[in-house]
């Protein structure tokens, strides 16, 4: 597994009242959500990046304003008609 190192100002950690480990977990989850939202990672790959099980990852997407399902109106209508 590869590692990426970030330098975070101490003021940022103090402002967030976060430990480096807590902040790292927050950054990983936020990056996973954004990459999933942008369509660059599947939900499984994003969950793996976030370090959480896929069902947990999917259940938390709404907390970040991201839809679990990314279907167009046309796709939704098609699915509804074929249900």
C-alpha atoms as a PDB file:
ATOM      1  CA  UNK A   1       0.000   0.000   0.000  1.00  0.00           C
ATOM      2  CA  UNK A   2       1.284   3.458  -0.866  1.00  0.00           C
ATOM      3  CA  UNK A   3       1.488   6.304   1.607  1.00  0.00           C
ATOM      4  CA  UNK A   4       0.904   9.995   1.011  1.00  0.00           C
ATOM      5  CA  UNK A   5       2.208  12.540   3.493  1.00  0.00           C
ATOM      6  CA  UNK A   6       0.531  15.911   4.030  1.00  0.00           C
ATOM      7  CA  UNK A   7       1.808  18.815   6.066  1.00  0.00           C
ATOM      8  CA  UNK A   8      -1.057  20.325   8.050  1.00  0.00           C
ATOM      9  CA  UNK A   9      -0.630  23.527  10.037  1.00  0.00           C
ATOM     10  CA  UNK A  10      -0.911  22.976  13.792  1.00  0.00           C
ATOM     11  CA  UNK A  11      -3.434  25.827  13.850  1.00  0.00           C
ATOM     12  CA  UNK A  12      -5.742  23.804  11.615  1.00  0.00           C
ATOM     13  CA  UNK A  13      -5.658  20.823  13.964  1.00  0.00           C
ATOM     14  CA  UNK A  14      -6.236  23.075  16.977  1.00  0.00           C
ATOM     15  CA  UNK A  15      -9.127  24.862  15.246  1.00  0.00           C
ATOM     16  CA  UNK A  16     -10.747  21.515  14.452  1.00  0.00           C
ATOM     17  CA  UNK A  17      -9.850  20.087  17.865  1.00  0.00           C
ATOM     18  CA  UNK A  18      -8.526  17.040  16.031  1.00  0.00           C
ATOM     19  CA  UNK A  19      -5.594  14.761  16.501  1.00  0.00           C
ATOM     20  CA  UNK A  20      -3.433  14.037  13.455  1.00  0.00           C
ATOM     21  CA  UNK A  21      -4.936  10.521  13.236  1.00  0.00           C
ATOM     22  CA  UNK A  22      -8.520  11.839  13.457  1.00  0.00           C
ATOM     23  CA  UNK A  23      -7.801  14.467  10.834  1.00  0.00           C
ATOM     24  CA  UNK A  24      -6.198  11.883   8.540  1.00  0.00           C
ATOM     25  CA  UNK A  25      -9.341   9.734   8.755  1.00  0.00           C
ATOM     26  CA  UNK A  26     -11.514  12.781   8.000  1.00  0.00           C
ATOM     27  CA  UNK A  27      -9.387  13.707   4.986  1.00  0.00           C
ATOM     28  CA  UNK A  28      -9.451  10.117   3.658  1.00  0.00           C
ATOM     29  CA  UNK A  29     -13.231   9.938   3.968  1.00  0.00           C
ATOM     30  CA  UNK A  30     -13.752  13.362   2.376  1.00  0.00           C
ATOM     31  CA  UNK A  31     -11.443  12.489  -0.513  1.00  0.00           C
ATOM     32  CA  UNK A  32     -13.239   9.179  -1.029  1.00  0.00           C
ATOM     33  CA  UNK A  33     -16.642  10.915  -1.093  1.00  0.00           C
ATOM     34  CA  UNK A  34     -15.470  13.534  -3.576  1.00  0.00           C
ATOM     35  CA  UNK A  35     -13.788  11.028  -5.876  1.00  0.00           C
ATOM     36  CA  UNK A  36     -16.950   8.897  -5.806  1.00  0.00           C
ATOM     37  CA  UNK A  37     -19.094  11.968  -6.532  1.00  0.00           C
ATOM     38  CA  UNK A  38     -16.865  12.861  -9.489  1.00  0.00           C
ATOM     39  CA  UNK A  39     -17.205   9.333 -10.840  1.00  0.00           C
ATOM     40  CA  UNK A  40     -13.499   8.614 -10.522  1.00  0.00           C
ATOM     41  CA  UNK A  41     -13.959   5.799  -7.999  1.00  0.00           C
ATOM     42  CA  UNK A  42     -16.633   3.136  -7.661  1.00  0.00           C
ATOM     43  CA  UNK A  43     -18.430   2.925  -4.329  1.00  0.00           C
ATOM     44  CA  UNK A  44     -16.339  -0.116  -3.405  1.00  0.00           C
ATOM     45  CA  UNK A  45     -13.046   1.562  -4.267  1.00  0.00           C
ATOM     46  CA  UNK A  46     -14.101   4.728  -2.438  1.00  0.00           C
ATOM     47  CA  UNK A  47     -15.056   2.738   0.654  1.00  0.00           C
ATOM     48  CA  UNK A  48     -11.668   1.027   0.537  1.00  0.00           C
ATOM     49  CA  UNK A  49      -9.925   4.420   0.316  1.00  0.00           C
ATOM     50  CA  UNK A  50     -12.010   5.685   3.236  1.00  0.00           C
ATOM     51  CA  UNK A  51     -11.095   2.572   5.233  1.00  0.00           C
ATOM     52  CA  UNK A  52     -14.706   1.637   5.956  1.00  0.00           C
ATOM     53  CA  UNK A  53     -17.107  -1.099   4.827  1.00  0.00           C
ATOM     54  CA  UNK A  54     -19.029  -0.312   1.633  1.00  0.00           C
ATOM     55  CA  UNK A  55     -22.495  -0.281   3.316  1.00  0.00           C
ATOM     56  CA  UNK A  56     -21.226   2.236   5.868  1.00  0.00           C
ATOM     57  CA  UNK A  57     -19.703   4.397   3.146  1.00  0.00           C
ATOM     58  CA  UNK A  58     -22.944   4.393   1.142  1.00  0.00           C
ATOM     59  CA  UNK A  59     -24.992   5.199   4.242  1.00  0.00           C
ATOM     60  CA  UNK A  60     -22.872   8.289   4.962  1.00  0.00           C
ATOM     61  CA  UNK A  61     -22.970   9.835   1.471  1.00  0.00           C
ATOM     62  CA  UNK A  62     -26.134  11.819   2.190  1.00  0.00           C
ATOM     63  CA  UNK A  63     -24.378  13.399   5.184  1.00  0.00           C
ATOM     64  CA  UNK A  64     -22.020  14.950   2.625  1.00  0.00           C
ATOM     65  CA  UNK A  65     -24.717  15.990   0.165  1.00  0.00           C
ATOM     66  CA  UNK A  66     -23.909  13.181  -2.279  1.00  0.00           C
ATOM     67  CA  UNK A  67     -26.574  10.924  -3.733  1.00  0.00           C
ATOM     68  CA  UNK A  68     -26.065   7.198  -3.442  1.00  0.00           C
ATOM     69  CA  UNK A  69     -27.535   6.770  -6.903  1.00  0.00           C
ATOM     70  CA  UNK A  70     -26.535   8.898  -9.853  1.00  0.00           C
ATOM     71  CA  UNK A  71     -29.306   8.346 -12.363  1.00  0.00           C
ATOM     72  CA  UNK A  72     -30.605  10.849 -14.882  1.00  0.00           C
ATOM     73  CA  UNK A  73     -34.314  11.656 -15.054  1.00  0.00           C
ATOM     74  CA  UNK A  74     -34.520   9.544 -18.202  1.00  0.00           C
ATOM     75  CA  UNK A  75     -32.900   6.569 -16.470  1.00  0.00           C
ATOM     76  CA  UNK A  76     -35.218   6.928 -13.474  1.00  0.00           C
ATOM     77  CA  UNK A  77     -38.269   7.068 -15.750  1.00  0.00           C
ATOM     78  CA  UNK A  78     -37.071   3.989 -17.630  1.00  0.00           C
ATOM     79  CA  UNK A  79     -36.492   2.093 -14.384  1.00  0.00           C
ATOM     80  CA  UNK A  80     -39.896   3.155 -13.047  1.00  0.00           C
ATOM     81  CA  UNK A  81     -41.673   1.984 -16.206  1.00  0.00           C
ATOM     82  CA  UNK A  82     -39.888  -1.370 -16.090  1.00  0.00           C
ATOM     83  CA  UNK A  83     -40.422  -1.987 -12.375  1.00  0.00           C
END
